[in-house]
Amino acid sequence: MPYCQYCGAEIDYDQEYCNQCGSQQPKLQSQQKASKGGAVGWGILSFFVPLIGLILFLVWRQERPRVSKVAGLAALIGFILNLIIMVFFQDELMKILGTP
């Protein structure tokens, strides 16, 4: 389903006004349908490179809220997982890098 460009609420494809905020929706159903497929790809990229996910989240917040949310969430999960790995496996990482 597409989302309102102003508040991010779910709307129907043929809906002209948002039920949540009442704003008029532009006729961009084909772009909104196409953006659904890209969310998974951007999410995977954001998981492995959290900085890209943060940038995508901030840039696409208004125009592509679904993709933005997926990218931001994947970046957050990837960042937290990286921190956990670094804390618990610090000794092994030091051995691999060759630092005392």
C-alpha atoms as a PDB file:
ATOM      1  CA  MET A   1       0.000   0.000   0.000  1.00  0.00           C
ATOM      2  CA  PRO A   2       1.144   3.555  -0.611  1.00  0.00           C
ATOM      3  CA  TYR A   3       1.713   6.065   2.154  1.00  0.00           C
ATOM      4  CA  CYS A   4       0.704   9.687   2.619  1.00  0.00           C
ATOM      5  CA  GLN A   5       3.492  12.046   1.560  1.00  0.00           C
ATOM      6  CA  TYR A   6       2.776  14.371   4.463  1.00  0.00           C
ATOM      7  CA  CYS A   7       2.103  12.198   7.528  1.00  0.00           C
ATOM      8  CA  GLY A   8       3.205   8.701   6.405  1.00  0.00           C
ATOM      9  CA  ALA A   9      -0.168   7.020   7.073  1.00  0.00           C
ATOM     10  CA  GLU A  10      -1.222   4.128   4.828  1.00  0.00           C
ATOM     11  CA  ILE A  11      -3.679   5.066   2.080  1.00  0.00           C
ATOM     12  CA  ASP A  12      -5.343   3.191  -0.792  1.00  0.00           C
ATOM     13  CA  TYR A  13      -3.944   3.485  -4.323  1.00  0.00           C
ATOM     14  CA  ASP A  14      -7.005   5.343  -5.604  1.00  0.00           C
ATOM     15  CA  GLN A  15      -7.474   7.529  -2.521  1.00  0.00           C
ATOM     16  CA  GLU A  16      -7.315  11.273  -3.234  1.00  0.00           C
ATOM     17  CA  TYR A  17      -7.169  12.486   0.391  1.00  0.00           C
ATOM     18  CA  CYS A  18      -5.431  11.091   3.474  1.00  0.00           C
ATOM     19  CA  ASN A  19      -7.797   9.898   6.212  1.00  0.00           C
ATOM     20  CA  GLN A  20      -5.234  10.799   8.885  1.00  0.00           C
ATOM     21  CA  CYS A  21      -4.240  14.380   8.001  1.00  0.00           C
ATOM     22  CA  GLY A  22      -6.705  15.264   5.216  1.00  0.00           C
ATOM     23  CA  SER A  23      -4.051  16.350   2.699  1.00  0.00           C
ATOM     24  CA  GLN A  24      -4.617  15.827  -1.020  1.00  0.00           C
ATOM     25  CA  GLN A  25      -2.489  13.076  -2.532  1.00  0.00           C
ATOM     26  CA  PRO A  26      -0.775  13.405  -5.926  1.00  0.00           C
ATOM     27  CA  LYS A  27      -1.475  10.833  -8.636  1.00  0.00           C
ATOM     28  CA  LEU A  28       1.807   8.896  -8.358  1.00  0.00           C
ATOM     29  CA  GLN A  29       0.531   5.344  -7.977  1.00  0.00           C
ATOM     30  CA  SER A  30       3.026   3.882 -10.445  1.00  0.00           C
ATOM     31  CA  GLN A  31       5.996   5.413  -8.587  1.00  0.00           C
ATOM     32  CA  GLN A  32       4.651   4.262  -5.220  1.00  0.00           C
ATOM     33  CA  LYS A  33       4.141   0.715  -6.518  1.00  0.00           C
ATOM     34  CA  ALA A  34       7.670   0.676  -7.946  1.00  0.00           C
ATOM     35  CA  SER A  35       9.186   1.884  -4.680  1.00  0.00           C
ATOM     36  CA  LYS A  36       7.825  -1.140  -2.798  1.00  0.00           C
ATOM     37  CA  GLY A  37      10.281  -3.540  -4.427  1.00  0.00           C
ATOM     38  CA  GLY A  38      13.319  -1.436  -3.661  1.00  0.00           C
ATOM     39  CA  ALA A  39      12.758  -1.401   0.095  1.00  0.00           C
ATOM     40  CA  VAL A  40      14.293  -4.844   0.632  1.00  0.00           C
ATOM     41  CA  GLY A  41      17.399  -4.052  -1.401  1.00  0.00           C
ATOM     42  CA  TRP A  42      17.985  -0.747   0.372  1.00  0.00           C
ATOM     43  CA  GLY A  43      17.371  -2.476   3.704  1.00  0.00           C
ATOM     44  CA  ILE A  44      20.051  -5.086   3.014  1.00  0.00           C
ATOM     45  CA  LEU A  45      22.535  -2.422   1.926  1.00  0.00           C
ATOM     46  CA  SER A  46      21.716  -0.356   5.029  1.00  0.00           C
ATOM     47  CA  PHE A  47      22.244  -3.360   7.291  1.00  0.00           C
ATOM     48  CA  PHE A  48      25.782  -3.922   6.039  1.00  0.00           C
ATOM     49  CA  VAL A  49      26.673  -0.211   5.708  1.00  0.00           C
ATOM     50  CA  PRO A  50      24.708   1.601   8.438  1.00  0.00           C
ATOM     51  CA  LEU A  51      25.933   5.066   7.419  1.00  0.00           C
ATOM     52  CA  ILE A  52      24.225   4.678   4.035  1.00  0.00           C
ATOM     53  CA  GLY A  53      21.039   3.612   5.808  1.00  0.00           C
ATOM     54  CA  LEU A  54      21.100   6.693   8.007  1.00  0.00           C
ATOM     55  CA  ILE A  55      21.589   8.947   4.985  1.00  0.00           C
ATOM     56  CA  LEU A  56      18.754   7.245   3.085  1.00  0.00           C
ATOM     57  CA  PHE A  57      16.484   7.516   6.113  1.00  0.00           C
ATOM     58  CA  LEU A  58      17.082  11.257   6.402  1.00  0.00           C
ATOM     59  CA  VAL A  59      16.836  11.984   2.671  1.00  0.00           C
ATOM     60  CA  TRP A  60      13.756   9.863   1.872  1.00  0.00           C
ATOM     61  CA  ARG A  61      11.713  10.563   5.015  1.00  0.00           C
ATOM     62  CA  GLN A  62       9.087  12.672   3.211  1.00  0.00           C
ATOM     63  CA  GLU A  63       8.982  11.340  -0.343  1.00  0.00           C
ATOM     64  CA  ARG A  64       9.423   7.570   0.299  1.00  0.00           C
ATOM     65  CA  PRO A  65       8.470   6.904   3.941  1.00  0.00           C
ATOM     66  CA  ARG A  66       8.276   3.105   3.609  1.00  0.00           C
ATOM     67  CA  VAL A  67      11.732   2.728   2.061  1.00  0.00           C
ATOM     68  CA  SER A  68      13.082   5.300   4.506  1.00  0.00           C
ATOM     69  CA  LYS A  69      11.731   3.353   7.474  1.00  0.00           C
ATOM     70  CA  VAL A  70      13.185   0.054   6.224  1.00  0.00           C
ATOM     71  CA  ALA A  71      16.589   1.636   5.550  1.00  0.00           C
ATOM     72  CA  GLY A  72      16.683   3.353   8.958  1.00  0.00           C
ATOM     73  CA  LEU A  73      15.645   0.234  10.856  1.00  0.00           C
ATOM     74  CA  ALA A  74      18.152  -1.954   9.008  1.00  0.00           C
ATOM     75  CA  ALA A  75      20.916   0.592   9.663  1.00  0.00           C
ATOM     76  CA  LEU A  76      20.073   0.655  13.370  1.00  0.00           C
ATOM     77  CA  ILE A  77      20.061  -3.146  13.619  1.00  0.00           C
ATOM     78  CA  GLY A  78      23.335  -3.381  11.674  1.00  0.00           C
ATOM     79  CA  PHE A  79      25.004  -0.772  13.883  1.00  0.00           C
ATOM     80  CA  ILE A  80      23.892  -2.460  17.123  1.00  0.00           C
ATOM     81  CA  LEU A  81      24.993  -5.866  15.834  1.00  0.00           C
ATOM     82  CA  ASN A  82      28.410  -4.436  14.911  1.00  0.00           C
ATOM     83  CA  LEU A  83      28.790  -3.016  18.424  1.00  0.00           C
ATOM     84  CA  ILE A  84      27.853  -6.350  20.012  1.00  0.00           C
ATOM     85  CA  ILE A  85      30.335  -8.214  17.834  1.00  0.00           C
ATOM     86  CA  MET A  86      33.108  -5.756  18.666  1.00  0.00           C
ATOM     87  CA  VAL A  87      32.463  -5.948  22.427  1.00  0.00           C
ATOM     88  CA  PHE A  88      32.161  -9.723  22.710  1.00  0.00           C
ATOM     89  CA  PHE A  89      34.828 -10.642  20.188  1.00  0.00           C
ATOM     90  CA  GLN A  90      37.356  -7.902  20.942  1.00  0.00           C
ATOM     91  CA  ASP A  91      40.142 -10.343  21.824  1.00  0.00           C
ATOM     92  CA  GLU A  92      39.711 -12.365  18.635  1.00  0.00           C
ATOM     93  CA  LEU A  93      39.619  -9.191  16.543  1.00  0.00           C
ATOM     94  CA  MET A  94      42.860  -8.005  18.143  1.00  0.00           C
ATOM     95  CA  LYS A  95      44.537 -11.335  17.313  1.00  0.00           C
ATOM     96  CA  ILE A  96      43.390 -11.113  13.703  1.00  0.00           C
ATOM     97  CA  LEU A  97      44.618  -7.528  13.357  1.00  0.00           C
ATOM     98  CA  GLY A  98      47.906  -8.401  15.044  1.00  0.00           C
ATOM     99  CA  THR A  99      47.771  -5.701  17.733  1.00  0.00           C
ATOM    100  CA  PRO A 100      48.910  -6.574  21.262  1.00  0.00           C
END
